[in-house]
Amino acid sequence: MTSKDAELTDSMKRYTLESMQQYRTRYLLAKLTQFVDMEFKGIKTPGSLKDYLDLEIEHILPNTPESELRALFANKNPGKDYEYYKNRLGNLTLLEKPINIVASNEFFEKRRQSTLNQQTI
């Protein structure tokens, strides 16, 4: 395993939504989410991934941003390409379909608040 560390690190840094089939990206995100949930809950043995695999892949930076959001991104990140960052692994998460619909293509803070409100309903 140790001999593959550099290869894995390089692959993860280059990973995008288009790097692999979407079902594989969903699986990777499901495993990462499951790990975080296990750590949070103090669970030692992973269970089924079924609940995670039913979720949708969501872009934190919206896939189709409003022009205002794109302009803000360019202003805060000079020289960075929005298109490059929107499909990176660190910009992807899993979300339930109804919450994903409510989240829309707004600024992250507004989308976050919308999802929090939807989860409490």
N, C-alpha and C. Protein backbone atom coordinates (compact mmCIF):
# COMPACT_ATOMS: atom_id res chain seq x y z
N MET A 1 0.82 -1.19 0.00
CA MET A 1 0.00 0.00 0.00
C MET A 1 0.87 1.26 0.00
N THR A 2 1.91 1.26 0.81
CA THR A 2 2.76 2.45 0.92
C THR A 2 3.40 2.79 -0.42
N SER A 3 3.71 1.79 -1.21
CA SER A 3 4.35 2.05 -2.50
C SER A 3 3.42 2.77 -3.47
N LYS A 4 2.13 2.72 -3.22
CA LYS A 4 1.14 3.37 -4.09
C LYS A 4 0.71 4.75 -3.59
N ASP A 5 1.24 5.22 -2.46
CA ASP A 5 0.84 6.51 -1.89
C ASP A 5 0.99 7.66 -2.87
N ALA A 6 2.13 7.77 -3.52
CA ALA A 6 2.39 8.88 -4.44
C ALA A 6 1.42 8.83 -5.62
N GLU A 7 1.17 7.63 -6.13
CA GLU A 7 0.26 7.47 -7.26
C GLU A 7 -1.17 7.87 -6.88
N LEU A 8 -1.61 7.44 -5.69
CA LEU A 8 -2.94 7.78 -5.22
C LEU A 8 -3.06 9.29 -4.99
N THR A 9 -2.08 9.88 -4.37
CA THR A 9 -2.08 11.32 -4.12
C THR A 9 -2.18 12.09 -5.42
N ASP A 10 -1.40 11.70 -6.41
CA ASP A 10 -1.44 12.36 -7.72
C ASP A 10 -2.80 12.20 -8.38
N SER A 11 -3.35 10.99 -8.33
CA SER A 11 -4.67 10.74 -8.94
C SER A 11 -5.76 11.57 -8.28
N MET A 12 -5.73 11.67 -6.96
CA MET A 12 -6.75 12.42 -6.25
C MET A 12 -6.65 13.92 -6.55
N LYS A 13 -5.44 14.42 -6.73
CA LYS A 13 -5.27 15.84 -7.07
C LYS A 13 -5.79 16.17 -8.46
N ARG A 14 -5.74 15.20 -9.36
CA ARG A 14 -6.19 15.43 -10.74
C ARG A 14 -7.63 14.99 -10.97
N TYR A 15 -8.27 14.37 -10.01
CA TYR A 15 -9.60 13.81 -10.16
C TYR A 15 -10.64 14.90 -10.42
N THR A 16 -11.44 14.69 -11.44
CA THR A 16 -12.57 15.59 -11.73
C THR A 16 -13.80 14.74 -11.99
N LEU A 17 -14.93 15.39 -12.13
CA LEU A 17 -16.17 14.68 -12.40
C LEU A 17 -16.09 13.90 -13.71
N GLU A 18 -15.29 14.39 -14.66
CA GLU A 18 -15.16 13.71 -15.95
C GLU A 18 -14.05 12.65 -15.97
N SER A 19 -13.29 12.52 -14.88
CA SER A 19 -12.18 11.55 -14.84
C SER A 19 -12.66 10.11 -14.98
N MET A 20 -13.81 9.83 -14.43
CA MET A 20 -14.33 8.47 -14.41
C MET A 20 -15.83 8.50 -14.69
N GLN A 21 -16.41 7.32 -14.80
CA GLN A 21 -17.85 7.24 -14.95
C GLN A 21 -18.51 7.81 -13.69
N GLN A 22 -19.68 8.38 -13.86
CA GLN A 22 -20.35 9.05 -12.75
C GLN A 22 -20.65 8.09 -11.60
N TYR A 23 -20.97 6.84 -11.89
CA TYR A 23 -21.27 5.90 -10.82
C TYR A 23 -20.04 5.65 -9.95
N ARG A 24 -18.86 5.73 -10.54
CA ARG A 24 -17.63 5.55 -9.75
C ARG A 24 -17.37 6.77 -8.87
N THR A 25 -17.66 7.96 -9.40
CA THR A 25 -17.51 9.17 -8.60
C THR A 25 -18.51 9.15 -7.44
N ARG A 26 -19.73 8.71 -7.72
CA ARG A 26 -20.74 8.60 -6.66
C ARG A 26 -20.27 7.62 -5.58
N TYR A 27 -19.67 6.51 -6.00
CA TYR A 27 -19.15 5.52 -5.05
C TYR A 27 -18.05 6.14 -4.19
N LEU A 28 -17.11 6.84 -4.82
CA LEU A 28 -16.01 7.47 -4.08
C LEU A 28 -16.56 8.48 -3.07
N LEU A 29 -17.49 9.33 -3.51
CA LEU A 29 -18.10 10.30 -2.61
C LEU A 29 -18.87 9.60 -1.49
N ALA A 30 -19.53 8.50 -1.82
CA ALA A 30 -20.27 7.73 -0.80
C ALA A 30 -19.33 7.18 0.25
N LYS A 31 -18.20 6.65 -0.17
CA LYS A 31 -17.22 6.11 0.78
C LYS A 31 -16.64 7.21 1.66
N LEU A 32 -16.34 8.36 1.06
CA LEU A 32 -15.81 9.49 1.84
C LEU A 32 -16.85 9.97 2.85
N THR A 33 -18.10 10.08 2.42
CA THR A 33 -19.18 10.54 3.31
C THR A 33 -19.42 9.53 4.42
N GLN A 34 -19.39 8.26 4.06
CA GLN A 34 -19.57 7.21 5.06
C GLN A 34 -18.47 7.28 6.12
N PHE A 35 -17.25 7.50 5.69
CA PHE A 35 -16.13 7.60 6.62
C PHE A 35 -16.32 8.76 7.59
N VAL A 36 -16.72 9.91 7.07
CA VAL A 36 -16.96 11.08 7.92
C VAL A 36 -18.09 10.79 8.90
N ASP A 37 -19.17 10.19 8.42
CA ASP A 37 -20.29 9.83 9.30
C ASP A 37 -19.85 8.86 10.40
N MET A 38 -19.06 7.88 10.04
CA MET A 38 -18.58 6.91 11.01
C MET A 38 -17.73 7.58 12.09
N GLU A 39 -16.85 8.47 11.69
CA GLU A 39 -16.01 9.18 12.65
C GLU A 39 -16.87 10.04 13.57
N PHE A 40 -17.85 10.74 13.00
CA PHE A 40 -18.72 11.61 13.78
C PHE A 40 -19.53 10.82 14.79
N LYS A 41 -20.04 9.65 14.38
CA LYS A 41 -20.90 8.84 15.24
C LYS A 41 -20.12 7.84 16.10
N GLY A 42 -18.81 7.73 15.86
CA GLY A 42 -18.02 6.79 16.63
C GLY A 42 -18.23 5.34 16.24
N ILE A 43 -18.67 5.11 15.01
CA ILE A 43 -18.91 3.75 14.52
C ILE A 43 -17.60 3.19 13.97
N LYS A 44 -17.31 1.95 14.26
CA LYS A 44 -16.05 1.33 13.84
C LYS A 44 -16.16 0.48 12.59
N THR A 45 -17.36 -0.06 12.30
CA THR A 45 -17.54 -0.96 11.17
C THR A 45 -18.48 -0.33 10.15
N PRO A 46 -18.02 -0.19 8.90
CA PRO A 46 -18.90 0.41 7.89
C PRO A 46 -20.07 -0.51 7.56
N GLY A 47 -21.21 0.11 7.32
CA GLY A 47 -22.40 -0.65 6.93
C GLY A 47 -22.60 -0.54 5.42
N SER A 48 -23.82 -0.68 5.01
CA SER A 48 -24.17 -0.61 3.59
C SER A 48 -24.03 0.82 3.06
N LEU A 49 -23.68 0.92 1.79
CA LEU A 49 -23.59 2.22 1.13
C LEU A 49 -24.90 2.63 0.46
N LYS A 50 -25.93 1.80 0.56
CA LYS A 50 -27.18 2.05 -0.16
C LYS A 50 -27.73 3.45 0.06
N ASP A 51 -27.76 3.91 1.30
CA ASP A 51 -28.30 5.24 1.58
C ASP A 51 -27.49 6.34 0.91
N TYR A 52 -26.21 6.14 0.75
CA TYR A 52 -25.36 7.15 0.13
C TYR A 52 -25.45 7.10 -1.40
N LEU A 53 -25.59 5.91 -1.94
CA LEU A 53 -25.59 5.76 -3.40
C LEU A 53 -26.89 6.25 -4.03
N ASP A 54 -27.93 6.44 -3.23
CA ASP A 54 -29.19 6.98 -3.74
C ASP A 54 -29.17 8.51 -3.85
N LEU A 55 -28.13 9.13 -3.35
CA LEU A 55 -28.03 10.59 -3.36
C LEU A 55 -27.50 11.09 -4.70
N GLU A 56 -27.72 12.37 -4.98
CA GLU A 56 -27.25 12.97 -6.23
C GLU A 56 -25.92 13.68 -6.00
N ILE A 57 -25.11 13.71 -7.03
CA ILE A 57 -23.87 14.47 -6.98
C ILE A 57 -24.22 15.94 -7.17
N GLU A 58 -23.76 16.76 -6.25
CA GLU A 58 -24.04 18.19 -6.29
C GLU A 58 -22.73 18.97 -6.36
N HIS A 59 -22.72 20.00 -7.16
CA HIS A 59 -21.59 20.92 -7.23
C HIS A 59 -21.76 21.98 -6.14
N ILE A 60 -20.75 22.21 -5.34
CA ILE A 60 -20.81 23.27 -4.34
C ILE A 60 -20.72 24.62 -5.05
N LEU A 61 -19.72 24.79 -5.91
CA LEU A 61 -19.75 25.90 -6.88
C LEU A 61 -20.71 25.41 -7.94
N PRO A 62 -21.78 26.12 -8.23
CA PRO A 62 -22.80 25.61 -9.15
C PRO A 62 -22.25 25.25 -10.53
N ASN A 63 -22.83 24.23 -11.12
CA ASN A 63 -22.46 23.79 -12.45
C ASN A 63 -22.84 24.85 -13.49
N THR A 64 -23.97 25.49 -13.30
CA THR A 64 -24.41 26.56 -14.21
C THR A 64 -24.65 27.82 -13.37
N PRO A 65 -23.59 28.56 -13.07
CA PRO A 65 -23.71 29.70 -12.16
C PRO A 65 -24.36 30.92 -12.82
N GLU A 66 -24.97 31.73 -11.98
CA GLU A 66 -25.47 33.03 -12.42
C GLU A 66 -24.24 33.88 -12.76
N SER A 67 -24.40 34.86 -13.63
CA SER A 67 -23.27 35.70 -14.04
C SER A 67 -22.67 36.44 -12.85
N GLU A 68 -23.51 36.81 -11.88
CA GLU A 68 -23.02 37.50 -10.68
C GLU A 68 -22.07 36.61 -9.87
N LEU A 69 -22.40 35.35 -9.76
CA LEU A 69 -21.56 34.41 -9.03
C LEU A 69 -20.24 34.19 -9.76
N ARG A 70 -20.30 34.04 -11.06
CA ARG A 70 -19.08 33.85 -11.86
C ARG A 70 -18.17 35.08 -11.71
N ALA A 71 -18.75 36.28 -11.74
CA ALA A 71 -17.98 37.52 -11.60
C ALA A 71 -17.35 37.60 -10.20
N LEU A 72 -18.11 37.22 -9.18
CA LEU A 72 -17.57 37.23 -7.81
C LEU A 72 -16.41 36.25 -7.68
N PHE A 73 -16.56 35.08 -8.28
CA PHE A 73 -15.49 34.08 -8.25
C PHE A 73 -14.23 34.65 -8.90
N ALA A 74 -14.38 35.27 -10.06
CA ALA A 74 -13.23 35.84 -10.78
C ALA A 74 -12.59 36.96 -9.96
N ASN A 75 -13.41 37.75 -9.29
CA ASN A 75 -12.89 38.85 -8.47
C ASN A 75 -12.11 38.34 -7.26
N LYS A 76 -12.61 37.31 -6.62
CA LYS A 76 -11.97 36.76 -5.42
C LYS A 76 -10.83 35.80 -5.74
N ASN A 77 -10.79 35.30 -6.97
CA ASN A 77 -9.78 34.30 -7.36
C ASN A 77 -9.14 34.70 -8.69
N PRO A 78 -8.39 35.80 -8.71
CA PRO A 78 -7.80 36.27 -9.97
C PRO A 78 -6.94 35.19 -10.64
N GLY A 79 -7.15 35.04 -11.93
CA GLY A 79 -6.36 34.07 -12.70
C GLY A 79 -6.83 32.64 -12.58
N LYS A 80 -7.87 32.37 -11.81
CA LYS A 80 -8.40 31.00 -11.65
C LYS A 80 -9.58 30.81 -12.58
N ASP A 81 -9.65 29.64 -13.17
CA ASP A 81 -10.71 29.30 -14.12
C ASP A 81 -11.87 28.60 -13.41
N TYR A 82 -13.03 29.22 -13.41
CA TYR A 82 -14.22 28.67 -12.75
C TYR A 82 -14.52 27.26 -13.27
N GLU A 83 -14.45 27.09 -14.58
CA GLU A 83 -14.77 25.79 -15.19
C GLU A 83 -13.87 24.69 -14.66
N TYR A 84 -12.61 25.01 -14.40
CA TYR A 84 -11.66 24.03 -13.88
C TYR A 84 -12.07 23.59 -12.46
N TYR A 85 -12.42 24.55 -11.61
CA TYR A 85 -12.70 24.24 -10.22
C TYR A 85 -14.08 23.63 -9.98
N LYS A 86 -15.06 23.91 -10.82
CA LYS A 86 -16.41 23.43 -10.55
C LYS A 86 -16.54 21.91 -10.63
N ASN A 87 -15.66 21.24 -11.36
CA ASN A 87 -15.74 19.78 -11.48
C ASN A 87 -14.68 19.03 -10.69
N ARG A 88 -13.93 19.74 -9.87
CA ARG A 88 -12.92 19.09 -9.04
C ARG A 88 -13.58 18.30 -7.91
N LEU A 89 -12.92 17.27 -7.46
CA LEU A 89 -13.46 16.40 -6.41
C LEU A 89 -13.83 17.20 -5.17
N GLY A 90 -13.03 18.17 -4.79
CA GLY A 90 -13.31 18.97 -3.59
C GLY A 90 -14.54 19.85 -3.72
N ASN A 91 -15.07 20.01 -4.91
CA ASN A 91 -16.26 20.82 -5.13
C ASN A 91 -17.52 19.96 -5.25
N LEU A 92 -17.38 18.67 -5.07
CA LEU A 92 -18.52 17.76 -5.23
C LEU A 92 -18.95 17.20 -3.88
N THR A 93 -20.23 17.01 -3.74
CA THR A 93 -20.78 16.40 -2.53
C THR A 93 -22.02 15.61 -2.91
N LEU A 94 -22.56 14.87 -1.98
CA LEU A 94 -23.79 14.12 -2.21
C LEU A 94 -24.93 14.83 -1.50
N LEU A 95 -26.09 14.87 -2.16
CA LEU A 95 -27.23 15.58 -1.62
C LEU A 95 -28.51 14.87 -2.05
N GLU A 96 -29.52 14.88 -1.19
CA GLU A 96 -30.81 14.31 -1.53
C GLU A 96 -31.46 15.13 -2.64
N LYS A 97 -32.19 14.47 -3.53
CA LYS A 97 -32.77 15.15 -4.69
C LYS A 97 -33.63 16.37 -4.31
N PRO A 98 -34.58 16.26 -3.35
CA PRO A 98 -35.40 17.44 -3.03
C PRO A 98 -34.55 18.62 -2.52
N ILE A 99 -33.53 18.30 -1.74
CA ILE A 99 -32.66 19.37 -1.23
C ILE A 99 -31.83 19.94 -2.37
N ASN A 100 -31.40 19.11 -3.29
CA ASN A 100 -30.63 19.56 -4.44
C ASN A 100 -31.45 20.52 -5.29
N ILE A 101 -32.72 20.24 -5.46
CA ILE A 101 -33.60 21.11 -6.25
C ILE A 101 -33.73 22.48 -5.58
N VAL A 102 -33.89 22.49 -4.26
CA VAL A 102 -34.01 23.75 -3.51
C VAL A 102 -32.70 24.53 -3.55
N ALA A 103 -31.57 23.82 -3.54
CA ALA A 103 -30.26 24.48 -3.50
C ALA A 103 -30.02 25.35 -4.73
N SER A 104 -30.48 24.95 -5.88
CA SER A 104 -30.41 25.75 -7.10
C SER A 104 -28.98 26.11 -7.47
N ASN A 105 -28.80 27.28 -8.09
CA ASN A 105 -27.48 27.75 -8.55
C ASN A 105 -27.06 29.03 -7.85
N GLU A 106 -27.46 29.21 -6.62
CA GLU A 106 -27.18 30.42 -5.87
C GLU A 106 -25.78 30.42 -5.27
N PHE A 107 -25.45 31.51 -4.58
CA PHE A 107 -24.22 31.59 -3.83
C PHE A 107 -24.22 30.51 -2.75
N PHE A 108 -23.04 30.04 -2.37
CA PHE A 108 -22.94 28.93 -1.43
C PHE A 108 -23.68 29.21 -0.13
N GLU A 109 -23.50 30.37 0.47
CA GLU A 109 -24.16 30.67 1.74
C GLU A 109 -25.67 30.57 1.63
N LYS A 110 -26.22 31.10 0.55
CA LYS A 110 -27.67 31.04 0.35
C LYS A 110 -28.13 29.60 0.12
N ARG A 111 -27.35 28.84 -0.65
CA ARG A 111 -27.68 27.45 -0.91
C ARG A 111 -27.59 26.64 0.37
N ARG A 112 -26.58 26.91 1.17
CA ARG A 112 -26.38 26.20 2.43
C ARG A 112 -27.58 26.44 3.34
N GLN A 113 -28.01 27.68 3.45
CA GLN A 113 -29.16 28.00 4.29
C GLN A 113 -30.42 27.31 3.78
N SER A 114 -30.60 27.29 2.45
CA SER A 114 -31.76 26.61 1.87
C SER A 114 -31.77 25.14 2.21
N THR A 115 -30.61 24.50 2.14
CA THR A 115 -30.54 23.06 2.43
C THR A 115 -30.77 22.81 3.92
N LEU A 116 -30.26 23.68 4.77
CA LEU A 116 -30.49 23.52 6.20
C LEU A 116 -31.97 23.67 6.53
N ASN A 117 -32.63 24.64 5.90
CA ASN A 117 -34.07 24.82 6.11
C ASN A 117 -34.84 23.61 5.62
N GLN A 118 -34.45 23.05 4.48
CA GLN A 118 -35.14 21.89 3.90
C GLN A 118 -34.97 20.66 4.79
N GLN A 119 -33.80 20.50 5.40
CA GLN A 119 -33.55 19.34 6.25
C GLN A 119 -34.36 19.37 7.53
N THR A 120 -34.73 20.57 7.99
CA THR A 120 -35.48 20.65 9.23
C THR A 120 -36.98 20.47 9.03
N ILE A 121 -37.42 20.48 7.78
CA ILE A 121 -38.86 20.32 7.48
C ILE A 121 -39.28 18.89 7.65
